[in-house]
Amino acid sequence: MKLNKLIGDRFKERPSDCQIDSHALMVRGGYIKYVANGIFSSFPPLKRVTRKIEQIIREEMDAADGQEVLFPVVMPATLWQESGRYESIGAELLRFTDRNRQPMVLGMTHEEAAVQLVREYANSYTKYPFMIYQIQTKFRDEARPRGGLIRVREFTMKDAYSFHTSQEDLEEYYKRMHKAYERIYERCGAKGVISVKSDSGMMGGSVSHEFMLLTPIGEDSIAICKKCGYTANVEAAKSIIENVRDENSENLAEVNTPNCHTIEEVCEFLKTAPEKSAKAVVYQKIPSDEFVILFIRGDLDVNETKLTNFLGCDIRPAVIDEECGICAGFIGPVNLKVNAPCTVLFDESLKNLNNLVCGANRTDFHMTGLDMQRDVPNAEYRDFAKIIDGGICPECGEHAITISRGIEVGNIFQLGTKYSKSMGMTYLDADGAEKVPIMGCYGIGVGRLAASVCEASHDDFGPIWPMAIAPWQVHLCAVRPDDERVKSAADKLYDDLQNAGVEVIYDDRNVRAGVMFSDADLLGVPLRVVVSPRNLDEGVFELSSRDKTLSEKLDPKNAVERLQELIKQMMNA
């Protein structure tokens, strides 16, 4: 490929609307073009990167006995009504009506389509186990797309679905897919990917893992134990709190706290620590609008995923008016009266505690001396808190938790019978009894993985692509192509590399060397060969690597062989 024919422009300035480096570099380097919010077109460099990622994924899925299929992007709403997700999923699912007035959806995931494809075929135990997968376009109407390809609305994803006749068989295959995912990330050069326990969310199922690329710009928080290696998404990590009770309990007393609405304001006014307070966080259920008041220790935050899972419905921050009877900013568990349907919950962080500050349920007043055992004897406690940095590890019990940031680059789920049962998929076992198959689900976002690798491997000048997924393997620069010697030598090397099967991008434009090298940095090709008058005077080509670890003089006579040797080494690195 000659650079002067490559579609897409490259430029030096960082776009003002790009908040993270991978987004900025992909715009500057001519990888993506903005179409609409969360929707991008791919220029040839990115398409070459994602095609290589897809090939690696296909090889690993095929090695795991997967069979590639293709599901439709557009599906009838009836499929999603069968599973129950047509009503349960919110605005992320794009619903529309076709010209025949039939309700349709754009696929954001394809569990329903997978079951529909094989439920007639897999009617006997002899057909199991099996796995099908696709690499397909999906659309998820994200409320806040951001970060370029990190969080988009339209995206390409590999999703796989396995079907089993026993939980034991699913668990064995789940481990096999976990190892396949580890190989995929290793082969793609995605350094720093770890597996973490996660919340299954709208996918359902009891066991799930996310694969996280650790990076400070990640949108997910991950709890990691420095002692035992435990890892989990903060949404799924159990919060373990040591509740230390004071030896003596004070009397419950009402105190005036004028204009003190927040925990910080109250604690400063009363000269107490946040962990010696019980704060109330108020939500409303969707769509019923029923109030949910959750009491939690004042220094902790609510894990809304845990709360949503417990309630079995979505929630939103409450809109509190005078009619409901809730005294916003002064809510407490003693003498709480609400003039509307309300669920009252207590986090485990309050269990057995005494001498706490809490709201008095009237404006400008709080209570001191709250003893949960004495004053709220009927409270039931559950884990609704976010795990904290320095907290107790749920695995080893040590105070060794650190909170890191990461980008989710894949996920796997043990779905159980959530979809097969609701959609009427059955088979006959060896005894002729009708059974429901058990499913697993395994997803990787292709574009997100490409952007994540770029985010983890770049410098100020551009991406540093791993050899396995780089758009090209060698970037050939002819400095001063108006010099006949340079042009002739570079042209010959270009032809020789192509004939040897090396992927090469050739820059023979009549531009300044600085422009040429700047464009080369933005394309991020692993190996760069420079042919220039000065090098030819020495009888050599100049070879360097994009990551700055290699720089050497290249003998033109064995240049192709040396480059092939390096490509092989870097592919296996």
Protein backbone atom coordinates (compact mmCIF):
# COMPACT_ATOMS: atom_id res chain seq x y z
CA MET A 1 0.00 0.00 0.00
CA LYS A 2 1.32 3.44 -0.89
CA LEU A 3 0.65 6.13 1.67
CA ASN A 4 -0.29 8.72 -0.92
CA LYS A 5 -3.25 6.50 -1.88
CA LEU A 6 -4.37 5.82 1.70
CA ILE A 7 -7.83 7.21 2.41
CA GLY A 8 -7.96 9.48 5.46
CA ASP A 9 -5.94 12.44 6.69
CA ARG A 10 -3.46 12.72 9.55
CA PHE A 11 -2.83 15.89 11.51
CA LYS A 12 -0.86 17.18 14.51
CA GLU A 13 -3.47 19.02 16.59
CA ARG A 14 -5.37 17.16 19.30
CA PRO A 15 -9.14 17.49 18.75
CA SER A 16 -10.76 19.47 21.54
CA ASP A 17 -13.64 17.00 21.99
CA CYS A 18 -11.39 13.96 22.58
CA GLN A 19 -10.98 13.39 26.31
CA ILE A 20 -8.81 10.26 26.21
CA ASP A 21 -5.63 9.56 24.28
CA SER A 22 -6.82 6.61 22.18
CA HIS A 23 -9.76 8.62 20.88
CA ALA A 24 -7.54 11.59 20.00
CA LEU A 25 -4.90 9.43 18.31
CA MET A 26 -7.45 7.50 16.27
CA VAL A 27 -8.96 10.76 15.00
CA ARG A 28 -5.54 12.33 14.34
CA GLY A 29 -4.20 9.20 12.67
CA GLY A 30 -7.06 8.71 10.22
CA TYR A 31 -8.58 5.63 11.87
CA ILE A 32 -12.14 6.78 12.56
CA LYS A 33 -14.62 9.39 11.33
CA TYR A 34 -17.42 10.74 13.52
CA VAL A 35 -20.89 10.08 12.06
CA ALA A 36 -23.23 10.66 15.01
CA ASN A 37 -23.10 10.47 18.79
CA GLY A 38 -21.47 7.10 19.56
CA ILE A 39 -21.33 6.09 15.88
CA PHE A 40 -18.15 6.06 13.78
CA SER A 41 -16.95 4.95 10.36
CA SER A 42 -13.65 3.09 10.12
CA PHE A 43 -10.87 4.14 7.75
CA PRO A 44 -8.57 1.42 6.28
CA PRO A 45 -5.97 1.42 9.12
CA LEU A 46 -8.56 0.58 11.77
CA LYS A 47 -10.31 -1.90 9.52
CA ARG A 48 -7.00 -3.73 9.06
CA VAL A 49 -6.47 -3.77 12.85
CA THR A 50 -9.97 -5.08 13.64
CA ARG A 51 -9.79 -7.67 10.86
CA LYS A 52 -6.68 -9.14 12.50
CA ILE A 53 -8.36 -9.12 15.92
CA GLU A 54 -11.34 -10.91 14.41
CA GLN A 55 -9.07 -13.53 12.87
CA ILE A 56 -7.38 -14.21 16.21
CA ILE A 57 -10.81 -14.53 17.83
CA ARG A 58 -12.02 -16.89 15.10
CA GLU A 59 -8.98 -19.13 15.50
CA GLU A 60 -9.48 -19.39 19.26
CA MET A 61 -13.25 -19.95 18.97
CA ASP A 62 -12.74 -22.64 16.34
CA ALA A 63 -10.10 -24.28 18.54
CA ALA A 64 -12.72 -24.38 21.32
CA ASP A 65 -15.07 -26.34 19.02
CA GLY A 66 -17.07 -23.25 18.11
CA GLN A 67 -19.09 -23.04 14.90
CA GLU A 68 -19.47 -19.64 13.27
CA VAL A 69 -22.98 -18.50 12.42
CA LEU A 70 -24.59 -15.15 11.67
CA PHE A 71 -27.67 -13.74 13.36
CA PRO A 72 -29.76 -10.86 12.00
CA VAL A 73 -29.23 -7.30 13.21
CA VAL A 74 -32.98 -6.65 13.05
CA MET A 75 -35.26 -9.01 14.96
CA PRO A 76 -39.00 -9.20 15.60
CA ALA A 77 -40.04 -8.02 19.04
CA THR A 78 -41.77 -11.36 19.57
CA LEU A 79 -38.40 -13.05 20.18
CA TRP A 80 -37.58 -10.61 22.95
CA GLN A 81 -41.11 -10.89 24.33
CA GLU A 82 -40.56 -14.64 24.64
CA SER A 83 -37.51 -14.09 26.85
CA GLY A 84 -39.17 -11.27 28.80
CA ARG A 85 -36.45 -8.76 27.96
CA TYR A 86 -38.58 -6.66 25.61
CA GLU A 87 -40.29 -5.18 28.66
CA SER A 88 -37.46 -5.44 31.22
CA ILE A 89 -34.71 -3.67 29.28
CA GLY A 90 -34.91 0.10 29.17
CA ALA A 91 -34.07 2.64 26.49
CA GLU A 92 -30.80 0.91 25.57
CA LEU A 93 -32.85 -1.44 23.37
CA LEU A 94 -33.85 0.38 20.18
CA ARG A 95 -37.45 -0.49 19.33
CA PHE A 96 -39.21 0.48 16.10
CA THR A 97 -42.11 -0.51 13.88
CA ASP A 98 -41.68 -1.72 10.30
CA ARG A 99 -43.91 -0.82 7.33
CA ASN A 100 -46.28 -3.68 8.24
CA ARG A 101 -46.70 -2.18 11.71
CA GLN A 102 -44.86 -5.06 13.31
CA PRO A 103 -42.73 -4.17 16.36
CA MET A 104 -39.02 -4.81 15.75
CA VAL A 105 -35.74 -4.33 17.62
CA LEU A 106 -32.13 -3.68 16.71
CA GLY A 107 -29.97 -6.38 18.28
CA MET A 108 -27.91 -5.18 21.23
CA THR A 109 -27.12 -8.80 22.13
CA HIS A 110 -28.26 -12.09 20.59
CA GLU A 111 -29.25 -14.64 23.24
CA GLU A 112 -32.78 -14.76 21.84
CA ALA A 113 -31.57 -15.23 18.27
CA ALA A 114 -29.19 -18.01 19.37
CA VAL A 115 -31.96 -19.97 21.08
CA GLN A 116 -34.30 -19.42 18.12
CA LEU A 117 -31.66 -20.75 15.72
CA VAL A 118 -31.03 -24.09 17.44
CA ARG A 119 -34.09 -24.94 19.54
CA GLU A 120 -35.59 -27.26 16.90
CA TYR A 121 -32.23 -28.77 15.96
CA ALA A 122 -31.06 -29.56 19.52
CA ASN A 123 -34.02 -31.76 20.49
CA SER A 124 -31.96 -34.73 21.69
CA TYR A 125 -29.20 -35.11 24.28
CA THR A 126 -27.03 -36.61 21.54
CA LYS A 127 -26.67 -33.15 19.94
CA TYR A 128 -25.00 -31.68 23.06
CA PRO A 129 -22.76 -29.97 23.97
CA PHE A 130 -22.11 -27.40 21.25
CA MET A 131 -21.13 -23.75 20.85
CA ILE A 132 -22.07 -21.25 18.16
CA TYR A 133 -20.57 -17.80 17.68
CA GLN A 134 -20.79 -14.79 15.41
CA ILE A 135 -18.96 -11.54 14.75
CA GLN A 136 -21.70 -9.04 14.10
CA THR A 137 -22.82 -5.42 14.27
CA LYS A 138 -24.87 -4.48 17.32
CA PHE A 139 -26.62 -1.35 18.48
CA ARG A 140 -27.03 -0.30 22.11
CA ASP A 141 -28.54 3.14 22.65
CA GLU A 142 -26.11 4.24 25.34
CA ALA A 143 -27.17 7.31 27.29
CA ARG A 144 -23.61 8.71 27.44
CA PRO A 145 -21.36 7.40 24.67
CA ARG A 146 -17.78 8.55 25.24
CA GLY A 147 -14.12 7.80 24.74
CA GLY A 148 -14.24 7.23 21.00
CA LEU A 149 -14.56 3.47 20.47
CA ILE A 150 -14.43 2.72 24.21
CA ARG A 151 -18.18 3.29 24.67
CA VAL A 152 -20.26 3.60 21.53
CA ARG A 153 -23.80 2.92 20.39
CA GLU A 154 -23.03 0.92 17.25
CA PHE A 155 -20.24 -1.64 17.56
CA THR A 156 -18.88 -4.94 16.27
CA MET A 157 -18.86 -7.77 18.75
CA LYS A 158 -18.01 -11.43 18.91
CA ASP A 159 -20.66 -13.21 20.92
CA ALA A 160 -20.71 -16.95 21.51
CA TYR A 161 -23.35 -19.18 23.07
CA SER A 162 -22.76 -22.68 24.42
CA PHE A 163 -25.46 -25.26 25.19
CA HIS A 164 -25.10 -28.08 27.75
CA THR A 165 -27.06 -30.86 29.42
CA SER A 166 -25.52 -30.39 32.88
CA GLN A 167 -24.15 -27.65 35.09
CA GLU A 168 -20.91 -29.61 35.43
CA ASP A 169 -20.44 -29.64 31.67
CA LEU A 170 -21.10 -25.89 31.49
CA GLU A 171 -18.56 -25.22 34.24
CA GLU A 172 -15.89 -27.24 32.44
CA TYR A 173 -16.53 -25.42 29.18
CA TYR A 174 -16.61 -22.09 31.01
CA LYS A 175 -13.05 -22.75 32.22
CA ARG A 176 -12.04 -23.65 28.68
CA MET A 177 -13.43 -20.38 27.34
CA HIS A 178 -11.74 -18.45 30.14
CA LYS A 179 -8.39 -19.82 28.96
CA ALA A 180 -9.29 -19.07 25.33
CA TYR A 181 -9.97 -15.45 26.28
CA GLU A 182 -6.62 -15.21 28.03
CA ARG A 183 -4.93 -16.43 24.83
CA ILE A 184 -6.88 -13.93 22.71
CA TYR A 185 -5.70 -10.96 24.78
CA GLU A 186 -2.15 -12.27 24.89
CA ARG A 187 -2.07 -12.76 21.12
CA CYS A 188 -3.57 -9.30 20.51
CA GLY A 189 -0.87 -7.70 22.65
CA ALA A 190 -3.35 -6.44 25.25
CA LYS A 191 -0.99 -6.18 28.20
CA GLY A 192 -2.39 -5.91 31.70
CA VAL A 193 -5.74 -7.66 31.13
CA ILE A 194 -7.04 -9.39 34.26
CA SER A 195 -10.13 -11.47 34.92
CA VAL A 196 -12.50 -10.20 37.62
CA LYS A 197 -15.71 -11.48 39.13
CA SER A 198 -18.62 -9.37 37.93
CA ASP A 199 -22.31 -8.70 38.21
CA SER A 200 -24.38 -10.49 35.56
CA GLY A 201 -26.70 -7.51 35.11
CA MET A 202 -29.33 -7.73 32.39
CA MET A 203 -27.67 -10.87 30.95
CA GLY A 204 -28.79 -12.98 33.89
CA GLY A 205 -27.10 -16.05 35.31
CA SER A 206 -25.30 -16.68 38.56
CA VAL A 207 -21.60 -16.65 37.59
CA SER A 208 -19.83 -14.14 35.37
CA HIS A 209 -16.38 -12.69 34.79
CA GLU A 210 -15.20 -9.55 33.08
CA PHE A 211 -11.81 -9.14 31.46
CA MET A 212 -10.41 -5.75 32.39
CA LEU A 213 -7.54 -3.83 30.86
CA LEU A 214 -6.05 -1.88 33.74
CA THR A 215 -5.70 1.81 32.87
CA PRO A 216 -6.32 5.06 34.79
CA ILE A 217 -8.90 6.19 32.21
CA GLY A 218 -11.04 3.06 32.70
CA GLU A 219 -14.71 3.61 33.46
CA ASP A 220 -14.99 0.58 35.76
CA SER A 221 -13.61 0.29 39.29
CA ILE A 222 -11.91 -2.97 40.22
CA ALA A 223 -11.18 -4.32 43.69
CA ILE A 224 -7.83 -6.12 43.84
CA CYS A 225 -6.34 -7.84 46.90
CA LYS A 226 -2.58 -7.34 47.21
CA LYS A 227 -2.27 -10.39 49.44
CA CYS A 228 -4.25 -13.23 47.81
CA GLY A 229 -4.89 -11.93 44.28
CA TYR A 230 -8.68 -11.69 44.62
CA THR A 231 -10.21 -9.53 41.89
CA ALA A 232 -13.77 -8.34 41.34
CA ASN A 233 -15.65 -5.49 39.79
CA VAL A 234 -16.58 -3.10 42.58
CA GLU A 235 -20.23 -3.63 41.58
CA ALA A 236 -19.93 -7.32 42.47
CA ALA A 237 -17.44 -7.23 45.36
CA LYS A 238 -18.81 -7.92 48.84
CA SER A 239 -18.21 -5.09 51.29
CA ILE A 240 -17.01 -6.42 54.64
CA ILE A 241 -17.06 -3.90 57.49
CA GLU A 242 -15.71 -4.34 61.01
CA ASN A 243 -18.42 -2.87 63.20
CA VAL A 244 -16.87 -1.71 66.47
CA ARG A 245 -19.43 -1.01 69.18
CA ASP A 246 -18.72 1.50 71.95
CA GLU A 247 -18.67 0.06 75.44
CA ASN A 248 -21.43 2.34 76.71
CA SER A 249 -24.47 3.61 74.83
CA GLU A 250 -25.53 7.22 75.17
CA ASN A 251 -29.14 8.27 75.48
CA LEU A 252 -30.94 9.14 72.25
CA ALA A 253 -31.16 12.92 72.10
CA GLU A 254 -32.45 15.49 69.62
CA VAL A 255 -30.11 18.37 68.73
CA ASN A 256 -30.63 21.46 66.62
CA THR A 257 -28.52 21.39 63.43
CA PRO A 258 -29.61 24.47 61.45
CA ASN A 259 -28.94 24.29 57.69
CA CYS A 260 -26.96 21.06 58.02
CA HIS A 261 -28.26 18.77 55.27
CA THR A 262 -25.26 16.65 54.29
CA ILE A 263 -23.17 14.21 56.31
CA GLU A 264 -20.17 16.52 55.94
CA GLU A 265 -22.10 19.53 57.24
CA VAL A 266 -23.60 17.60 60.16
CA CYS A 267 -20.30 16.00 61.20
CA GLU A 268 -18.49 19.32 61.07
CA PHE A 269 -21.22 21.02 63.11
CA LEU A 270 -21.33 18.26 65.78
CA LYS A 271 -17.57 17.52 65.65
CA THR A 272 -18.11 13.82 64.93
CA ALA A 273 -16.57 11.45 62.37
CA PRO A 274 -18.62 10.31 59.33
CA GLU A 275 -18.23 6.66 60.35
CA LYS A 276 -20.16 7.51 63.53
CA SER A 277 -23.24 8.50 61.57
CA ALA A 278 -26.11 6.79 59.76
CA LYS A 279 -27.03 8.53 56.52
CA ALA A 280 -30.13 7.99 54.43
CA VAL A 281 -30.01 7.66 50.64
CA VAL A 282 -33.38 7.85 48.89
CA TYR A 283 -34.36 6.30 45.56
CA GLN A 284 -37.53 5.54 43.66
CA LYS A 285 -38.31 2.31 41.86
CA ILE A 286 -38.84 2.33 38.10
CA PRO A 287 -41.59 2.36 36.93
CA SER A 288 -43.72 2.27 40.14
CA ASP A 289 -42.09 5.37 41.77
CA GLU A 290 -42.25 3.62 45.16
CA PHE A 291 -39.69 5.16 47.54
CA VAL A 292 -36.66 3.23 48.78
CA ILE A 293 -34.82 4.62 51.83
CA LEU A 294 -31.47 2.99 52.46
CA PHE A 295 -29.58 3.66 55.69
CA ILE A 296 -25.81 3.19 55.50
CA ARG A 297 -22.77 4.28 57.51
CA GLY A 298 -21.91 7.87 56.77
CA ASP A 299 -18.46 7.28 55.29
CA LEU A 300 -19.62 4.65 52.77
CA ASP A 301 -21.30 4.82 49.34
CA VAL A 302 -24.25 2.82 48.08
CA ASN A 303 -23.55 0.15 45.48
CA GLU A 304 -26.57 0.72 43.26
CA THR A 305 -26.00 -2.52 41.37
CA LYS A 306 -26.40 -4.51 44.59
CA LEU A 307 -29.50 -2.49 45.46
CA THR A 308 -31.02 -2.98 42.00
CA ASN A 309 -30.37 -6.73 42.13
CA PHE A 310 -31.99 -6.98 45.55
CA LEU A 311 -35.07 -5.00 44.53
CA GLY A 312 -35.40 -6.72 41.17
CA CYS A 313 -36.04 -3.46 39.33
CA ASP A 314 -34.29 -0.32 38.16
CA ILE A 315 -34.03 2.71 40.44
CA ARG A 316 -33.43 6.43 40.15
CA PRO A 317 -32.61 9.20 42.64
CA ALA A 318 -35.81 10.20 44.41
CA VAL A 319 -37.76 13.37 43.76
CA ILE A 320 -38.91 14.37 47.26
CA ASP A 321 -41.84 16.75 47.74
CA GLU A 322 -43.78 17.88 50.82
CA GLU A 323 -46.67 15.46 50.24
CA CYS A 324 -44.55 12.29 50.69
CA GLY A 325 -43.64 13.20 54.27
CA ILE A 326 -39.92 12.55 53.85
CA CYS A 327 -37.85 15.28 55.48
CA ALA A 328 -34.97 15.55 53.01
CA GLY A 329 -31.58 16.10 54.68
CA PHE A 330 -32.88 15.07 58.09
CA ILE A 331 -34.04 11.47 57.55
CA GLY A 332 -33.51 8.97 60.37
CA PRO A 333 -34.62 5.41 61.19
CA VAL A 334 -36.39 6.37 64.45
CA ASN A 335 -40.02 7.57 64.12
CA LEU A 336 -39.74 7.54 60.33
CA LYS A 337 -43.10 8.19 58.69
CA VAL A 338 -43.64 8.27 54.94
CA ASN A 339 -46.98 9.20 53.33
CA ALA A 340 -46.38 6.95 50.32
CA PRO A 341 -45.38 3.36 49.57
CA CYS A 342 -41.83 2.92 50.82
CA THR A 343 -39.20 0.21 51.30
CA VAL A 344 -36.75 0.81 54.16
CA LEU A 345 -33.39 -1.01 54.03
CA PHE A 346 -30.28 -1.16 56.22
CA ASP A 347 -26.71 -1.83 55.18
CA GLU A 348 -24.57 -4.26 57.16
CA SER A 349 -22.19 -1.41 58.03
CA LEU A 350 -24.70 -0.27 60.69
CA LYS A 351 -25.22 -3.62 62.38
CA ASN A 352 -24.60 -3.53 66.16
CA LEU A 353 -23.31 0.06 66.10
CA ASN A 354 -24.19 2.58 68.76
CA ASN A 355 -23.67 6.27 69.56
CA LEU A 356 -24.44 7.28 65.98
CA VAL A 357 -25.73 10.56 64.58
CA CYS A 358 -28.82 10.33 62.36
CA GLY A 359 -31.65 12.49 61.11
CA ALA A 360 -34.55 13.33 63.44
CA ASN A 361 -37.18 13.43 60.67
CA ARG A 362 -37.85 17.11 61.17
CA THR A 363 -36.20 20.11 59.60
CA ASP A 364 -32.97 21.37 61.20
CA PHE A 365 -32.78 18.55 63.75
CA HIS A 366 -30.62 15.44 64.10
CA MET A 367 -30.32 12.80 66.80
CA THR A 368 -27.25 11.67 68.70
CA GLY A 369 -26.78 8.46 70.67
CA LEU A 370 -28.52 6.18 68.13
CA ASP A 371 -28.11 2.53 69.17
CA MET A 372 -29.18 0.25 66.31
CA GLN A 373 -29.89 -2.72 68.60
CA ARG A 374 -31.89 -0.66 71.07
CA ASP A 375 -33.59 1.92 68.84
CA VAL A 376 -34.14 -0.05 65.61
CA PRO A 377 -34.53 -3.62 66.90
CA ASN A 378 -36.39 -4.95 63.86
CA ALA A 379 -33.83 -3.81 61.27
CA GLU A 380 -32.64 -6.46 58.80
CA TYR A 381 -29.16 -5.91 57.39
CA ARG A 382 -27.80 -6.70 53.94
CA ASP A 383 -24.74 -5.78 51.90
CA PHE A 384 -25.51 -2.66 49.87
CA ALA A 385 -22.18 -0.81 50.18
CA LYS A 386 -19.32 -0.31 47.77
CA ILE A 387 -16.09 -1.99 48.80
CA ILE A 388 -13.48 0.61 49.80
CA ASP A 389 -9.77 1.10 49.22
CA GLY A 390 -7.95 -0.50 52.13
CA GLY A 391 -11.03 -2.59 52.90
CA ILE A 392 -11.26 -6.23 53.93
CA CYS A 393 -10.74 -8.82 51.21
CA PRO A 394 -13.77 -11.17 50.89
CA GLU A 395 -11.38 -14.01 50.02
CA CYS A 396 -8.54 -13.86 52.57
CA GLY A 397 -9.96 -11.46 55.18
CA GLU A 398 -6.96 -9.13 55.14
CA HIS A 399 -7.10 -5.32 54.92
CA ALA A 400 -5.47 -5.47 51.49
CA ILE A 401 -8.01 -4.19 48.96
CA THR A 402 -6.89 -1.59 46.43
CA ILE A 403 -9.25 0.04 43.94
CA SER A 404 -7.99 0.34 40.36
CA ARG A 405 -9.57 1.52 37.13
CA GLY A 406 -10.08 -0.61 34.04
CA ILE A 407 -11.75 -0.92 30.64
CA GLU A 408 -13.94 -3.97 30.13
CA VAL A 409 -12.66 -5.75 27.00
CA GLY A 410 -14.71 -8.94 27.30
CA ASN A 411 -17.11 -10.89 29.48
CA ILE A 412 -18.29 -14.45 30.02
CA PHE A 413 -21.49 -15.62 31.74
CA GLN A 414 -22.98 -18.84 33.03
CA LEU A 415 -26.53 -18.06 31.95
CA GLY A 416 -28.18 -21.23 33.21
CA THR A 417 -31.69 -21.72 31.80
CA LYS A 418 -32.78 -18.06 31.77
CA TYR A 419 -33.29 -17.97 27.98
CA SER A 420 -33.73 -21.62 27.05
CA LYS A 421 -36.53 -22.08 29.59
CA SER A 422 -38.40 -18.85 28.84
CA MET A 423 -38.22 -19.55 25.09
CA GLY A 424 -39.39 -23.15 25.33
CA MET A 425 -36.17 -24.89 24.27
CA THR A 426 -36.13 -28.54 25.40
CA TYR A 427 -34.46 -31.84 24.57
CA LEU A 428 -35.05 -35.49 25.42
CA ASP A 429 -32.44 -37.09 27.67
CA ALA A 430 -31.26 -40.71 27.51
CA ASP A 431 -34.32 -41.84 29.47
CA GLY A 432 -36.73 -39.97 27.20
CA ALA A 433 -37.43 -37.28 29.79
CA GLU A 434 -37.85 -33.68 28.62
CA LYS A 435 -35.13 -31.34 29.91
CA VAL A 436 -34.14 -27.69 29.45
CA PRO A 437 -30.56 -27.06 28.21
CA ILE A 438 -28.14 -24.89 30.18
CA MET A 439 -26.39 -22.00 28.43
CA GLY A 440 -23.17 -20.02 28.59
CA CYS A 441 -22.46 -16.70 26.89
CA TYR A 442 -19.11 -15.16 25.89
CA GLY A 443 -18.57 -11.69 24.38
CA ILE A 444 -15.72 -9.50 23.10
CA GLY A 445 -16.11 -6.01 21.63
CA VAL A 446 -13.75 -5.85 18.65
CA GLY A 447 -13.51 -2.08 18.23
CA ARG A 448 -13.29 -1.54 21.98
CA LEU A 449 -10.42 -4.03 22.18
CA ALA A 450 -8.56 -2.18 19.41
CA ALA A 451 -9.06 1.16 21.17
CA SER A 452 -8.05 -0.35 24.52
CA VAL A 453 -4.79 -1.69 23.09
CA CYS A 454 -4.14 1.78 21.68
CA GLU A 455 -4.90 3.32 25.08
CA ALA A 456 -2.50 0.95 26.83
CA SER A 457 0.26 1.15 24.21
CA HIS A 458 0.98 4.64 22.86
CA ASP A 459 3.18 7.68 23.33
CA ASP A 460 2.60 11.36 22.67
CA PHE A 461 3.11 10.83 18.95
CA GLY A 462 0.80 7.92 18.18
CA PRO A 463 -0.17 4.30 18.83
CA ILE A 464 2.47 1.59 19.29
CA TRP A 465 0.67 -1.37 17.75
CA PRO A 466 1.68 -4.94 18.64
CA MET A 467 2.87 -6.82 15.56
CA ALA A 468 -0.06 -9.26 15.67
CA ILE A 469 -2.71 -6.60 15.07
CA ALA A 470 -0.74 -3.72 13.52
CA PRO A 471 -2.30 -2.31 10.33
CA TRP A 472 0.97 -3.06 8.52
CA GLN A 473 4.15 -4.81 9.60
CA VAL A 474 6.71 -2.46 8.01
CA HIS A 475 6.55 1.27 7.29
CA LEU A 476 8.94 2.17 4.47
CA CYS A 477 9.95 5.84 4.22
CA ALA A 478 11.72 7.18 1.13
CA VAL A 479 13.28 10.46 2.30
CA ARG A 480 14.01 12.66 -0.74
CA PRO A 481 12.24 10.49 -3.35
CA ASP A 482 13.27 13.10 -5.94
CA ASP A 483 16.75 11.56 -5.61
CA GLU A 484 16.84 8.77 -8.21
CA ARG A 485 19.03 6.54 -6.01
CA VAL A 486 16.55 6.81 -3.13
CA LYS A 487 13.53 6.21 -5.34
CA SER A 488 15.09 3.19 -7.06
CA ALA A 489 16.30 1.55 -3.82
CA ALA A 490 13.04 2.15 -1.98
CA ASP A 491 10.90 0.93 -4.89
CA LYS A 492 12.94 -2.28 -5.09
CA LEU A 493 12.66 -2.91 -1.34
CA TYR A 494 8.90 -2.26 -1.53
CA ASP A 495 8.50 -4.80 -4.34
CA ASP A 496 10.72 -7.36 -2.60
CA LEU A 497 8.78 -7.06 0.66
CA GLN A 498 5.46 -7.47 -1.09
CA ASN A 499 6.73 -10.50 -2.99
CA ALA A 500 7.88 -11.99 0.32
CA GLY A 501 4.40 -11.58 1.80
CA VAL A 502 5.34 -8.75 4.17
CA GLU A 503 2.61 -6.20 4.85
CA VAL A 504 4.20 -2.84 4.01
CA ILE A 505 2.98 0.75 3.84
CA TYR A 506 5.25 2.78 1.55
CA ASP A 507 5.64 6.55 1.87
CA ASP A 508 7.26 7.97 -1.26
CA ARG A 509 5.60 11.38 -1.06
CA ASN A 510 7.73 14.41 -1.77
CA VAL A 511 7.30 15.90 1.71
CA ARG A 512 9.62 16.95 4.51
CA ALA A 513 11.11 14.17 6.62
CA GLY A 514 9.38 15.57 9.72
CA VAL A 515 5.96 15.23 8.10
CA MET A 516 6.79 11.73 6.91
CA PHE A 517 7.95 10.56 10.35
CA SER A 518 5.02 12.22 12.11
CA ASP A 519 2.59 10.31 9.89
CA ALA A 520 4.55 7.12 10.53
CA ASP A 521 4.21 7.62 14.29
CA LEU A 522 0.45 8.11 13.96
CA LEU A 523 0.11 4.87 11.99
CA GLY A 524 2.12 3.09 14.68
CA VAL A 525 3.57 0.35 12.46
CA PRO A 526 6.03 -1.79 14.51
CA LEU A 527 9.02 -1.61 12.15
CA ARG A 528 10.21 1.43 10.18
CA VAL A 529 12.78 1.40 7.38
CA VAL A 530 14.19 4.70 6.15
CA VAL A 531 15.89 5.01 2.76
CA SER A 532 17.67 8.36 2.41
CA PRO A 533 20.65 9.87 0.52
CA ARG A 534 22.74 9.82 3.70
CA ASN A 535 21.99 6.16 4.41
CA LEU A 536 22.70 5.17 0.84
CA ASP A 537 26.05 6.97 1.03
CA GLU A 538 26.85 4.53 3.87
CA GLY A 539 25.48 1.61 1.87
CA VAL A 540 22.70 0.86 4.40
CA PHE A 541 19.03 1.34 5.22
CA GLU A 542 18.01 2.66 8.64
CA LEU A 543 15.85 0.31 10.69
CA SER A 544 14.02 1.19 13.92
CA SER A 545 11.07 -0.05 15.91
CA ARG A 546 8.08 2.06 16.82
CA ASP A 547 8.58 1.32 20.52
CA LYS A 548 12.18 2.67 20.38
CA THR A 549 13.71 -0.63 21.56
CA LEU A 550 15.47 -1.34 18.26
CA SER A 551 17.73 0.74 16.04
CA GLU A 552 20.19 -0.70 13.58
CA LYS A 553 21.76 -0.33 10.14
CA LEU A 554 20.25 -2.71 7.63
CA ASP A 555 22.27 -4.29 4.83
CA PRO A 556 20.19 -3.87 1.63
CA LYS A 557 21.30 -7.33 0.49
CA ASN A 558 19.55 -9.14 3.35
CA ALA A 559 17.01 -6.50 4.34
CA VAL A 560 13.98 -8.66 3.53
CA GLU A 561 15.32 -11.65 5.47
CA ARG A 562 16.16 -9.51 8.50
CA LEU A 563 12.71 -7.91 8.51
CA GLN A 564 11.02 -11.31 8.21
CA GLU A 565 13.09 -12.53 11.15
CA LEU A 566 12.07 -9.55 13.29
CA ILE A 567 8.41 -9.87 12.32
CA LYS A 568 8.43 -13.51 13.43
CA GLN A 569 10.10 -12.61 16.71
CA MET A 570 7.64 -9.81 17.41
CA MET A 571 4.64 -11.97 16.52
CA ASN A 572 5.74 -14.47 19.15
CA ALA A 573 6.74 -11.90 21.79
